[in-house]
All heavy atoms as atom14 arrays in JSON, in Angstrom:
{
  "sequence": "VFLFEDLPAKDRRPDNLYLDKVDECSIFLALYAKEYGWEDPKDGI",
  "atom14_mask": [
    [1, 1, 1, 1, 1, 1, 1, 0, 0, 0, 0, 0, 0, 0],
    [1, 1, 1, 1, 1, 1, 1, 1, 1, 1, 1, 0, 0, 0],
    [1, 1, 1, 1, 1, 1, 1, 1, 0, 0, 0, 0, 0, 0],
    [1, 1, 1, 1, 1, 1, 1, 1, 1, 1, 1, 0, 0, 0],
    [1, 1, 1, 1, 1, 1, 1, 1, 1, 0, 0, 0, 0, 0],
    [1, 1, 1, 1, 1, 1, 1, 1, 0, 0, 0, 0, 0, 0],
    [1, 1, 1, 1, 1, 1, 1, 1, 0, 0, 0, 0, 0, 0],
    [1, 1, 1, 1, 1, 1, 1, 0, 0, 0, 0, 0, 0, 0],
    [1, 1, 1, 1, 1, 0, 0, 0, 0, 0, 0, 0, 0, 0],
    [1, 1, 1, 1, 1, 1, 1, 1, 1, 0, 0, 0, 0, 0],
    [1, 1, 1, 1, 1, 1, 1, 1, 0, 0, 0, 0, 0, 0],
    [1, 1, 1, 1, 1, 1, 1, 1, 1, 1, 1, 0, 0, 0],
    [1, 1, 1, 1, 1, 1, 1, 1, 1, 1, 1, 0, 0, 0],
    [1, 1, 1, 1, 1, 1, 1, 0, 0, 0, 0, 0, 0, 0],
    [1, 1, 1, 1, 1, 1, 1, 1, 0, 0, 0, 0, 0, 0],
    [1, 1, 1, 1, 1, 1, 1, 1, 0, 0, 0, 0, 0, 0],
    [1, 1, 1, 1, 1, 1, 1, 1, 0, 0, 0, 0, 0, 0],
    [1, 1, 1, 1, 1, 1, 1, 1, 1, 1, 1, 1, 0, 0],
    [1, 1, 1, 1, 1, 1, 1, 1, 0, 0, 0, 0, 0, 0],
    [1, 1, 1, 1, 1, 1, 1, 1, 0, 0, 0, 0, 0, 0],
    [1, 1, 1, 1, 1, 1, 1, 1, 1, 0, 0, 0, 0, 0],
    [1, 1, 1, 1, 1, 1, 1, 0, 0, 0, 0, 0, 0, 0],
    [1, 1, 1, 1, 1, 1, 1, 1, 0, 0, 0, 0, 0, 0],
    [1, 1, 1, 1, 1, 1, 1, 1, 1, 0, 0, 0, 0, 0],
    [1, 1, 1, 1, 1, 1, 0, 0, 0, 0, 0, 0, 0, 0],
    [1, 1, 1, 1, 1, 1, 0, 0, 0, 0, 0, 0, 0, 0],
    [1, 1, 1, 1, 1, 1, 1, 1, 0, 0, 0, 0, 0, 0],
    [1, 1, 1, 1, 1, 1, 1, 1, 1, 1, 1, 0, 0, 0],
    [1, 1, 1, 1, 1, 1, 1, 1, 0, 0, 0, 0, 0, 0],
    [1, 1, 1, 1, 1, 0, 0, 0, 0, 0, 0, 0, 0, 0],
    [1, 1, 1, 1, 1, 1, 1, 1, 0, 0, 0, 0, 0, 0],
    [1, 1, 1, 1, 1, 1, 1, 1, 1, 1, 1, 1, 0, 0],
    [1, 1, 1, 1, 1, 0, 0, 0, 0, 0, 0, 0, 0, 0],
    [1, 1, 1, 1, 1, 1, 1, 1, 1, 0, 0, 0, 0, 0],
    [1, 1, 1, 1, 1, 1, 1, 1, 1, 0, 0, 0, 0, 0],
    [1, 1, 1, 1, 1, 1, 1, 1, 1, 1, 1, 1, 0, 0],
    [1, 1, 1, 1, 0, 0, 0, 0, 0, 0, 0, 0, 0, 0],
    [1, 1, 1, 1, 1, 1, 1, 1, 1, 1, 1, 1, 1, 1],
    [1, 1, 1, 1, 1, 1, 1, 1, 1, 0, 0, 0, 0, 0],
    [1, 1, 1, 1, 1, 1, 1, 1, 0, 0, 0, 0, 0, 0],
    [1, 1, 1, 1, 1, 1, 1, 0, 0, 0, 0, 0, 0, 0],
    [1, 1, 1, 1, 1, 1, 1, 1, 1, 0, 0, 0, 0, 0],
    [1, 1, 1, 1, 1, 1, 1, 1, 0, 0, 0, 0, 0, 0],
    [1, 1, 1, 1, 0, 0, 0, 0, 0, 0, 0, 0, 0, 0],
    [1, 1, 1, 1, 1, 1, 1, 1, 0, 0, 0, 0, 0, 0]
  ],
  "atom14_positions": [
    [[-53.68, -92.19, -120.16], [-52.95, -93.45, -119.97], [-51.56, -93.32, -120.58], [-51.41, -92.8, -121.7], [-53.71, -94.63, -120.63], [-52.89, -95.91, -120.53], [-55.07, -94.81, -119.98], [0.0, 0.0, 0.0], [0.0, 0.0, 0.0], [0.0, 0.0, 0.0], [0.0, 0.0, 0.0], [0.0, 0.0, 0.0], [0.0, 0.0, 0.0], [0.0, 0.0, 0.0]],
    [[-50.57, -93.82, -119.83], [-49.2, -93.85, -120.38], [-48.78, -95.28, -120.66], [-48.78, -96.13, -119.77], [-48.21, -93.22, -119.4], [-46.77, -93.38, -119.84], [-46.25, -92.55, -120.83], [-45.96, -94.39, -119.32], [-44.94, -92.71, -121.26], [-44.67, -94.56, -119.75], [-44.15, -93.72, -120.73], [0.0, 0.0, 0.0], [0.0, 0.0, 0.0], [0.0, 0.0, 0.0]],
    [[-48.43, -95.53, -121.92], [-47.74, -96.75, -122.34], [-46.41, -96.33, -122.93], [-46.35, -95.44, -123.79], [-48.54, -97.51, -123.4], [-49.85, -98.19, -122.98], [-50.42, -98.96, -124.17], [-49.64, -99.12, -121.8], [0.0, 0.0, 0.0], [0.0, 0.0, 0.0], [0.0, 0.0, 0.0], [0.0, 0.0, 0.0], [0.0, 0.0, 0.0], [0.0, 0.0, 0.0]],
    [[-45.35, -97.01, -122.51], [-44.03, -96.62, -122.99], [-43.94, -96.7, -124.51], [-43.32, -95.86, -125.16], [-42.95, -97.52, -122.36], [-41.56, -97.1, -122.7], [-40.95, -96.04, -122.05], [-40.84, -97.77, -123.7], [-39.65, -95.65, -122.38], [-39.56, -97.38, -124.03], [-38.96, -96.32, -123.37], [0.0, 0.0, 0.0], [0.0, 0.0, 0.0], [0.0, 0.0, 0.0]],
    [[-44.61, -97.71, -125.11], [-44.5, -97.9, -126.55], [-45.2, -96.81, -127.34], [-45.02, -96.7, -128.56], [-45.03, -99.28, -126.96], [-46.44, -99.58, -126.48], [-46.47, -100.33, -125.18], [-45.64, -100.01, -124.28], [-47.3, -101.24, -125.05], [0.0, 0.0, 0.0], [0.0, 0.0, 0.0], [0.0, 0.0, 0.0], [0.0, 0.0, 0.0], [0.0, 0.0, 0.0]],
    [[-46.01, -95.99, -126.67], [-46.7, -94.9, -127.37], [-45.82, -93.66, -127.51], [-46.17, -92.72, -128.23], [-47.98, -94.51, -126.61], [-49.06, -95.57, -126.75], [-48.96, -96.4, -127.66], [-50.01, -95.55, -125.93], [0.0, 0.0, 0.0], [0.0, 0.0, 0.0], [0.0, 0.0, 0.0], [0.0, 0.0, 0.0], [0.0, 0.0, 0.0], [0.0, 0.0, 0.0]],
    [[-44.68, -93.65, -126.82], [-43.82, -92.47, -126.88], [-43.08, -92.4, -128.21], [-42.6, -93.42, -128.72], [-42.78, -92.51, -125.75], [-43.24, -92.12, -124.34], [-42.07, -92.31, -123.37], [-43.71, -90.68, -124.31], [0.0, 0.0, 0.0], [0.0, 0.0, 0.0], [0.0, 0.0, 0.0], [0.0, 0.0, 0.0], [0.0, 0.0, 0.0], [0.0, 0.0, 0.0]],
    [[-42.96, -91.21, -128.78], [-42.14, -91.07, -129.98], [-40.66, -91.18, -129.61], [-40.28, -91.05, -128.44], [-42.48, -89.66, -130.47], [-42.89, -88.92, -129.23], [-43.59, -89.94, -128.36], [0.0, 0.0, 0.0], [0.0, 0.0, 0.0], [0.0, 0.0, 0.0], [0.0, 0.0, 0.0], [0.0, 0.0, 0.0], [0.0, 0.0, 0.0], [0.0, 0.0, 0.0]],
    [[-39.84, -91.44, -130.59], [-38.4, -91.55, -130.35], [-37.86, -90.23, -129.83], [-38.2, -89.16, -130.33], [-37.69, -91.95, -131.64], [0.0, 0.0, 0.0], [0.0, 0.0, 0.0], [0.0, 0.0, 0.0], [0.0, 0.0, 0.0], [0.0, 0.0, 0.0], [0.0, 0.0, 0.0], [0.0, 0.0, 0.0], [0.0, 0.0, 0.0], [0.0, 0.0, 0.0]],
    [[-37.02, -90.29, -128.78], [-36.44, -89.09, -128.19], [-34.98, -89.36, -127.83], [-34.58, -90.49, -127.6], [-37.19, -88.65, -126.94], [-38.58, -88.1, -127.22], [-39.19, -87.51, -125.95], [-40.53, -86.87, -126.25], [-41.11, -86.24, -125.04], [0.0, 0.0, 0.0], [0.0, 0.0, 0.0], [0.0, 0.0, 0.0], [0.0, 0.0, 0.0], [0.0, 0.0, 0.0]],
    [[-34.23, -88.27, -127.77], [-32.81, -88.37, -127.44], [-32.64, -88.34, -125.92], [-32.04, -87.43, -125.35], [-32.04, -87.22, -128.09], [-30.52, -87.37, -127.89], [-30.08, -88.5, -127.61], [-29.82, -86.36, -128.01], [0.0, 0.0, 0.0], [0.0, 0.0, 0.0], [0.0, 0.0, 0.0], [0.0, 0.0, 0.0], [0.0, 0.0, 0.0], [0.0, 0.0, 0.0]],
    [[-33.23, -89.36, -125.24], [-33.1, -89.48, -123.8], [-33.02, -90.95, -123.44], [-33.54, -91.8, -124.16], [-34.31, -88.87, -123.07], [-34.35, -87.35, -123.08], [-35.51, -86.85, -122.23], [-35.42, -87.3, -120.84], [-36.41, -87.14, -119.96], [-37.53, -86.59, -120.32], [-36.25, -87.58, -118.72], [0.0, 0.0, 0.0], [0.0, 0.0, 0.0], [0.0, 0.0, 0.0]],
    [[-32.39, -91.25, -122.34], [-32.32, -92.64, -121.89], [-33.73, -93.14, -121.58], [-34.51, -92.46, -120.91], [-31.46, -92.75, -120.63], [-29.96, -92.66, -120.88], [-29.2, -92.61, -119.56], [-29.6, -93.7, -118.66], [-29.01, -94.89, -118.65], [-28.04, -95.16, -119.51], [-29.4, -95.82, -117.79], [0.0, 0.0, 0.0], [0.0, 0.0, 0.0], [0.0, 0.0, 0.0]],
    [[-34.09, -94.33, -122.03], [-35.44, -94.87, -121.79], [-35.8, -94.94, -120.31], [-36.94, -94.69, -119.92], [-35.38, -96.27, -122.41], [-34.3, -96.17, -123.43], [-33.29, -95.22, -122.87], [0.0, 0.0, 0.0], [0.0, 0.0, 0.0], [0.0, 0.0, 0.0], [0.0, 0.0, 0.0], [0.0, 0.0, 0.0], [0.0, 0.0, 0.0], [0.0, 0.0, 0.0]],
    [[-34.81, -95.29, -119.45], [-35.14, -95.42, -118.04], [-35.53, -94.07, -117.43], [-36.39, -93.99, -116.56], [-33.98, -96.04, -117.25], [-32.66, -95.34, -117.49], [-32.6, -94.48, -118.38], [-31.7, -95.65, -116.76], [0.0, 0.0, 0.0], [0.0, 0.0, 0.0], [0.0, 0.0, 0.0], [0.0, 0.0, 0.0], [0.0, 0.0, 0.0], [0.0, 0.0, 0.0]],
    [[-34.89, -92.98, -117.92], [-35.28, -91.65, -117.43], [-36.7, -91.3, -117.84], [-37.47, -90.71, -117.08], [-34.32, -90.59, -117.96], [-32.95, -90.69, -117.31], [-32.83, -91.2, -116.2], [-31.92, -90.24, -118.02], [0.0, 0.0, 0.0], [0.0, 0.0, 0.0], [0.0, 0.0, 0.0], [0.0, 0.0, 0.0], [0.0, 0.0, 0.0], [0.0, 0.0, 0.0]],
    [[-37.05, -91.67, -119.08], [-38.39, -91.36, -119.58], [-39.47, -92.05, -118.77], [-40.42, -91.43, -118.3], [-38.5, -91.78, -121.05], [-37.87, -90.84, -122.08], [-37.89, -91.48, -123.45], [-38.62, -89.52, -122.09], [0.0, 0.0, 0.0], [0.0, 0.0, 0.0], [0.0, 0.0, 0.0], [0.0, 0.0, 0.0], [0.0, 0.0, 0.0], [0.0, 0.0, 0.0]],
    [[-39.36, -93.36, -118.59], [-40.44, -94.06, -117.93], [-40.5, -93.75, -116.44], [-41.57, -93.72, -115.83], [-40.42, -95.57, -118.2], [-39.29, -96.37, -117.61], [-39.24, -96.66, -116.26], [-38.29, -96.91, -118.43], [-38.22, -97.43, -115.71], [-37.27, -97.67, -117.89], [-37.23, -97.94, -116.53], [-36.22, -98.7, -116.01], [0.0, 0.0, 0.0], [0.0, 0.0, 0.0]],
    [[-39.33, -93.48, -115.83], [-39.36, -93.13, -114.41], [-39.95, -91.75, -114.19], [-40.62, -91.5, -113.18], [-37.95, -93.22, -113.83], [-37.37, -94.64, -113.77], [-35.95, -94.61, -113.21], [-38.24, -95.56, -112.93], [0.0, 0.0, 0.0], [0.0, 0.0, 0.0], [0.0, 0.0, 0.0], [0.0, 0.0, 0.0], [0.0, 0.0, 0.0], [0.0, 0.0, 0.0]],
    [[-39.75, -90.83, -115.13], [-40.39, -89.52, -115.04], [-41.92, -89.67, -115.07], [-42.65, -88.96, -114.36], [-39.95, -88.61, -116.19], [-38.54, -88.07, -115.98], [-38.0, -88.22, -114.86], [-37.97, -87.52, -116.94], [0.0, 0.0, 0.0], [0.0, 0.0, 0.0], [0.0, 0.0, 0.0], [0.0, 0.0, 0.0], [0.0, 0.0, 0.0], [0.0, 0.0, 0.0]],
    [[-42.4, -90.59, -115.89], [-43.84, -90.79, -116.0], [-44.41, -91.45, -114.73], [-45.55, -91.16, -114.35], [-44.17, -91.65, -117.23], [-43.95, -90.91, -118.54], [-44.87, -89.71, -118.65], [-44.69, -88.97, -119.96], [-45.57, -87.77, -120.05], [0.0, 0.0, 0.0], [0.0, 0.0, 0.0], [0.0, 0.0, 0.0], [0.0, 0.0, 0.0], [0.0, 0.0, 0.0]],
    [[-43.63, -92.3, -114.1], [-44.07, -92.85, -112.82], [-44.24, -91.72, -111.81], [-45.2, -91.68, -111.04], [-43.08, -93.91, -112.29], [-43.45, -94.34, -110.87], [-43.04, -95.12, -113.21], [0.0, 0.0, 0.0], [0.0, 0.0, 0.0], [0.0, 0.0, 0.0], [0.0, 0.0, 0.0], [0.0, 0.0, 0.0], [0.0, 0.0, 0.0], [0.0, 0.0, 0.0]],
    [[-43.3, -90.79, -111.84], [-43.36, -89.64, -110.93], [-44.6, -88.79, -111.21], [-45.22, -88.25, -110.29], [-42.09, -88.8, -111.1], [-42.03, -87.66, -110.1], [-42.42, -87.88, -108.94], [-41.63, -86.55, -110.48], [0.0, 0.0, 0.0], [0.0, 0.0, 0.0], [0.0, 0.0, 0.0], [0.0, 0.0, 0.0], [0.0, 0.0, 0.0], [0.0, 0.0, 0.0]],
    [[-45.0, -88.67, -112.48], [-46.14, -87.83, -112.86], [-47.49, -88.5, -112.58], [-48.5, -87.82, -112.42], [-46.09, -87.5, -114.36], [-44.95, -86.58, -114.76], [-44.91, -86.38, -116.27], [-45.96, -86.61, -116.93], [-43.85, -86.0, -116.8], [0.0, 0.0, 0.0], [0.0, 0.0, 0.0], [0.0, 0.0, 0.0], [0.0, 0.0, 0.0], [0.0, 0.0, 0.0]],
    [[-47.53, -89.81, -112.55], [-48.81, -90.51, -112.53], [-49.51, -90.39, -111.17], [-48.88, -90.15, -110.14], [-48.64, -91.97, -112.9], [-48.0, -93.03, -111.59], [0.0, 0.0, 0.0], [0.0, 0.0, 0.0], [0.0, 0.0, 0.0], [0.0, 0.0, 0.0], [0.0, 0.0, 0.0], [0.0, 0.0, 0.0], [0.0, 0.0, 0.0], [0.0, 0.0, 0.0]],
    [[-50.83, -90.57, -111.2], [-51.63, -90.67, -109.98], [-51.89, -92.13, -109.63], [-52.01, -92.48, -108.46], [-52.96, -89.94, -110.16], [-52.77, -88.58, -110.39], [0.0, 0.0, 0.0], [0.0, 0.0, 0.0], [0.0, 0.0, 0.0], [0.0, 0.0, 0.0], [0.0, 0.0, 0.0], [0.0, 0.0, 0.0], [0.0, 0.0, 0.0], [0.0, 0.0, 0.0]],
    [[-52.0, -92.97, -110.66], [-52.28, -94.39, -110.47], [-51.21, -95.21, -111.17], [-50.95, -95.03, -112.37], [-53.67, -94.76, -111.03], [-54.77, -93.98, -110.3], [-53.92, -96.26, -110.91], [-56.16, -94.21, -110.87], [0.0, 0.0, 0.0], [0.0, 0.0, 0.0], [0.0, 0.0, 0.0], [0.0, 0.0, 0.0], [0.0, 0.0, 0.0], [0.0, 0.0, 0.0]],
    [[-50.61, -96.12, -110.42], [-49.63, -97.05, -110.97], [-50.34, -98.4, -111.12], [-50.72, -99.03, -110.13], [-48.43, -97.17, -110.03], [-47.39, -98.16, -110.47], [-46.45, -97.83, -111.43], [-47.36, -99.44, -109.93], [-45.48, -98.75, -111.84], [-46.41, -100.36, -110.33], [-45.46, -100.02, -111.29], [0.0, 0.0, 0.0], [0.0, 0.0, 0.0], [0.0, 0.0, 0.0]],
    [[-50.55, -98.82, -112.36], [-51.29, -100.03, -112.65], [-50.33, -101.07, -113.22], [-49.81, -100.88, -114.33], [-52.43, -99.72, -113.64], [-53.53, -100.76, -113.82], [-54.78, -100.11, -114.41], [-53.09, -101.92, -114.71], [0.0, 0.0, 0.0], [0.0, 0.0, 0.0], [0.0, 0.0, 0.0], [0.0, 0.0, 0.0], [0.0, 0.0, 0.0], [0.0, 0.0, 0.0]],
    [[-50.08, -102.14, -112.47], [-49.09, -103.14, -112.87], [-49.75, -104.44, -113.29], [-50.67, -104.92, -112.63], [-48.12, -103.4, -111.72], [0.0, 0.0, 0.0], [0.0, 0.0, 0.0], [0.0, 0.0, 0.0], [0.0, 0.0, 0.0], [0.0, 0.0, 0.0], [0.0, 0.0, 0.0], [0.0, 0.0, 0.0], [0.0, 0.0, 0.0], [0.0, 0.0, 0.0]],
    [[-49.28, -104.99, -114.41], [-49.71, -106.3, -114.92], [-48.52, -107.25, -114.86], [-47.49, -106.99, -115.5], [-50.21, -106.18, -116.37], [-51.25, -105.09, -116.68], [-51.56, -105.08, -118.17], [-52.51, -105.3, -115.86], [0.0, 0.0, 0.0], [0.0, 0.0, 0.0], [0.0, 0.0, 0.0], [0.0, 0.0, 0.0], [0.0, 0.0, 0.0], [0.0, 0.0, 0.0]],
    [[-48.64, -108.32, -114.1], [-47.53, -109.26, -113.97], [-47.97, -110.65, -114.42], [-49.09, -111.1, -114.12], [-47.04, -109.32, -112.52], [-46.5, -108.01, -111.98], [-46.59, -107.7, -110.63], [-45.89, -107.09, -112.85], [-46.08, -106.51, -110.13], [-45.38, -105.89, -112.35], [-45.49, -105.6, -111.0], [-45.0, -104.41, -110.52], [0.0, 0.0, 0.0], [0.0, 0.0, 0.0]],
    [[-47.06, -111.34, -115.12], [-47.31, -112.71, -115.58], [-46.1, -113.57, -115.22], [-45.71, -113.64, -114.06], [-47.63, -112.74, -117.06], [0.0, 0.0, 0.0], [0.0, 0.0, 0.0], [0.0, 0.0, 0.0], [0.0, 0.0, 0.0], [0.0, 0.0, 0.0], [0.0, 0.0, 0.0], [0.0, 0.0, 0.0], [0.0, 0.0, 0.0], [0.0, 0.0, 0.0]],
    [[-45.44, -114.21, -116.25], [-44.3, -115.1, -115.96], [-42.96, -114.41, -116.1], [-42.05, -114.63, -115.31], [-44.34, -116.3, -116.92], [-45.53, -117.23, -116.72], [-45.37, -118.53, -117.51], [-45.27, -118.23, -119.02], [-45.18, -119.5, -119.8], [0.0, 0.0, 0.0], [0.0, 0.0, 0.0], [0.0, 0.0, 0.0], [0.0, 0.0, 0.0], [0.0, 0.0, 0.0]],
    [[-42.83, -113.58, -117.14], [-41.52, -113.03, -117.48], [-41.12, -111.88, -116.57], [-41.97, -111.13, -116.08], [-41.51, -112.58, -118.94], [-41.86, -113.68, -119.93], [-40.87, -114.83, -119.88], [-39.67, -114.58, -119.61], [-41.29, -115.99, -120.08], [0.0, 0.0, 0.0], [0.0, 0.0, 0.0], [0.0, 0.0, 0.0], [0.0, 0.0, 0.0], [0.0, 0.0, 0.0]],
    [[-39.81, -111.74, -116.37], [-39.26, -110.65, -115.57], [-38.79, -109.5, -116.46], [-38.79, -108.35, -116.06], [-38.11, -111.17, -114.71], [-37.5, -110.14, -113.79], [-38.23, -109.65, -112.71], [-36.2, -109.68, -113.99], [-37.67, -108.71, -111.84], [-35.64, -108.74, -113.15], [-36.37, -108.25, -112.07], [-35.81, -107.32, -111.23], [0.0, 0.0, 0.0], [0.0, 0.0, 0.0]],
    [[-38.43, -109.83, -117.7], [-38.0, -108.8, -118.64], [-36.5, -108.53, -118.59], [-35.74, -109.17, -117.87], [0.0, 0.0, 0.0], [0.0, 0.0, 0.0], [0.0, 0.0, 0.0], [0.0, 0.0, 0.0], [0.0, 0.0, 0.0], [0.0, 0.0, 0.0], [0.0, 0.0, 0.0], [0.0, 0.0, 0.0], [0.0, 0.0, 0.0], [0.0, 0.0, 0.0]],
    [[-36.12, -107.57, -119.41], [-34.71, -107.19, -119.53], [-34.17, -106.74, -118.19], [-34.82, -106.03, -117.44], [-34.58, -106.07, -120.56], [-33.17, -105.56, -120.72], [-32.19, -106.1, -121.49], [-32.6, -104.41, -120.09], [-31.03, -105.36, -121.38], [-31.26, -104.31, -120.52], [-33.08, -103.46, -119.2], [-30.41, -103.29, -120.12], [-32.24, -102.44, -118.78], [-30.92, -102.38, -119.23]],
    [[-32.93, -107.21, -117.87], [-32.28, -106.86, -116.61], [-31.12, -105.92, -116.85], [-30.28, -106.16, -117.74], [-31.79, -108.12, -115.89], [-32.9, -109.11, -115.57], [-32.37, -110.38, -114.92], [-31.36, -110.28, -114.18], [-32.94, -111.47, -115.16], [0.0, 0.0, 0.0], [0.0, 0.0, 0.0], [0.0, 0.0, 0.0], [0.0, 0.0, 0.0], [0.0, 0.0, 0.0]],
    [[-31.07, -104.88, -116.08], [-29.97, -103.92, -116.18], [-28.68, -104.61, -115.74], [-28.6, -105.17, -114.64], [-30.25, -102.72, -115.27], [-29.28, -101.57, -115.51], [-28.1, -101.82, -115.8], [-29.73, -100.4, -115.42], [0.0, 0.0, 0.0], [0.0, 0.0, 0.0], [0.0, 0.0, 0.0], [0.0, 0.0, 0.0], [0.0, 0.0, 0.0], [0.0, 0.0, 0.0]],
    [[-27.63, -104.63, -116.61], [-26.37, -105.31, -116.27], [-25.74, -104.78, -114.98], [-25.02, -105.5, -114.29], [-25.47, -105.02, -117.47], [-26.41, -104.7, -118.59], [-27.58, -104.03, -117.95], [0.0, 0.0, 0.0], [0.0, 0.0, 0.0], [0.0, 0.0, 0.0], [0.0, 0.0, 0.0], [0.0, 0.0, 0.0], [0.0, 0.0, 0.0], [0.0, 0.0, 0.0]],
    [[-26.04, -103.53, -114.62], [-25.41, -102.95, -113.45], [-25.91, -103.57, -112.14], [-25.14, -103.82, -111.22], [-25.66, -101.44, -113.42], [-25.0, -100.68, -114.57], [-25.3, -99.19, -114.46], [-24.66, -98.41, -115.61], [-24.97, -96.96, -115.52], [0.0, 0.0, 0.0], [0.0, 0.0, 0.0], [0.0, 0.0, 0.0], [0.0, 0.0, 0.0], [0.0, 0.0, 0.0]],
    [[-27.22, -103.76, -112.06], [-27.78, -104.25, -110.79], [-28.73, -105.43, -110.95], [-29.26, -105.95, -109.96], [-28.49, -103.12, -110.04], [-29.54, -102.42, -110.9], [-29.95, -102.98, -111.93], [-29.95, -101.29, -110.54], [0.0, 0.0, 0.0], [0.0, 0.0, 0.0], [0.0, 0.0, 0.0], [0.0, 0.0, 0.0], [0.0, 0.0, 0.0], [0.0, 0.0, 0.0]],
    [[-28.99, -105.85, -112.19], [-29.85, -107.0, -112.43], [-31.33, -106.73, -112.2], [-32.13, -107.67, -112.11], [0.0, 0.0, 0.0], [0.0, 0.0, 0.0], [0.0, 0.0, 0.0], [0.0, 0.0, 0.0], [0.0, 0.0, 0.0], [0.0, 0.0, 0.0], [0.0, 0.0, 0.0], [0.0, 0.0, 0.0], [0.0, 0.0, 0.0], [0.0, 0.0, 0.0]],
    [[-31.72, -105.46, -112.11], [-33.12, -105.09, -111.88], [-33.77, -104.71, -113.2], [-33.2, -103.94, -113.99], [-33.24, -103.95, -110.87], [-32.69, -104.39, -109.5], [-34.69, -103.49, -110.72], [-32.7, -103.29, -108.46], [0.0, 0.0, 0.0], [0.0, 0.0, 0.0], [0.0, 0.0, 0.0], [0.0, 0.0, 0.0], [0.0, 0.0, 0.0], [0.0, 0.0, 0.0]]
  ]
}
């Protein structure tokens, strides 16, 4: 199981880290509630 908060501190951009793990995974398991979370200022995603 991959949780972003389980990763040790690394000298890499967080978005690169989690997107690499999406690429590695076999199952993408999403939990959605009310919040959208932090939005990237560049594109609002």
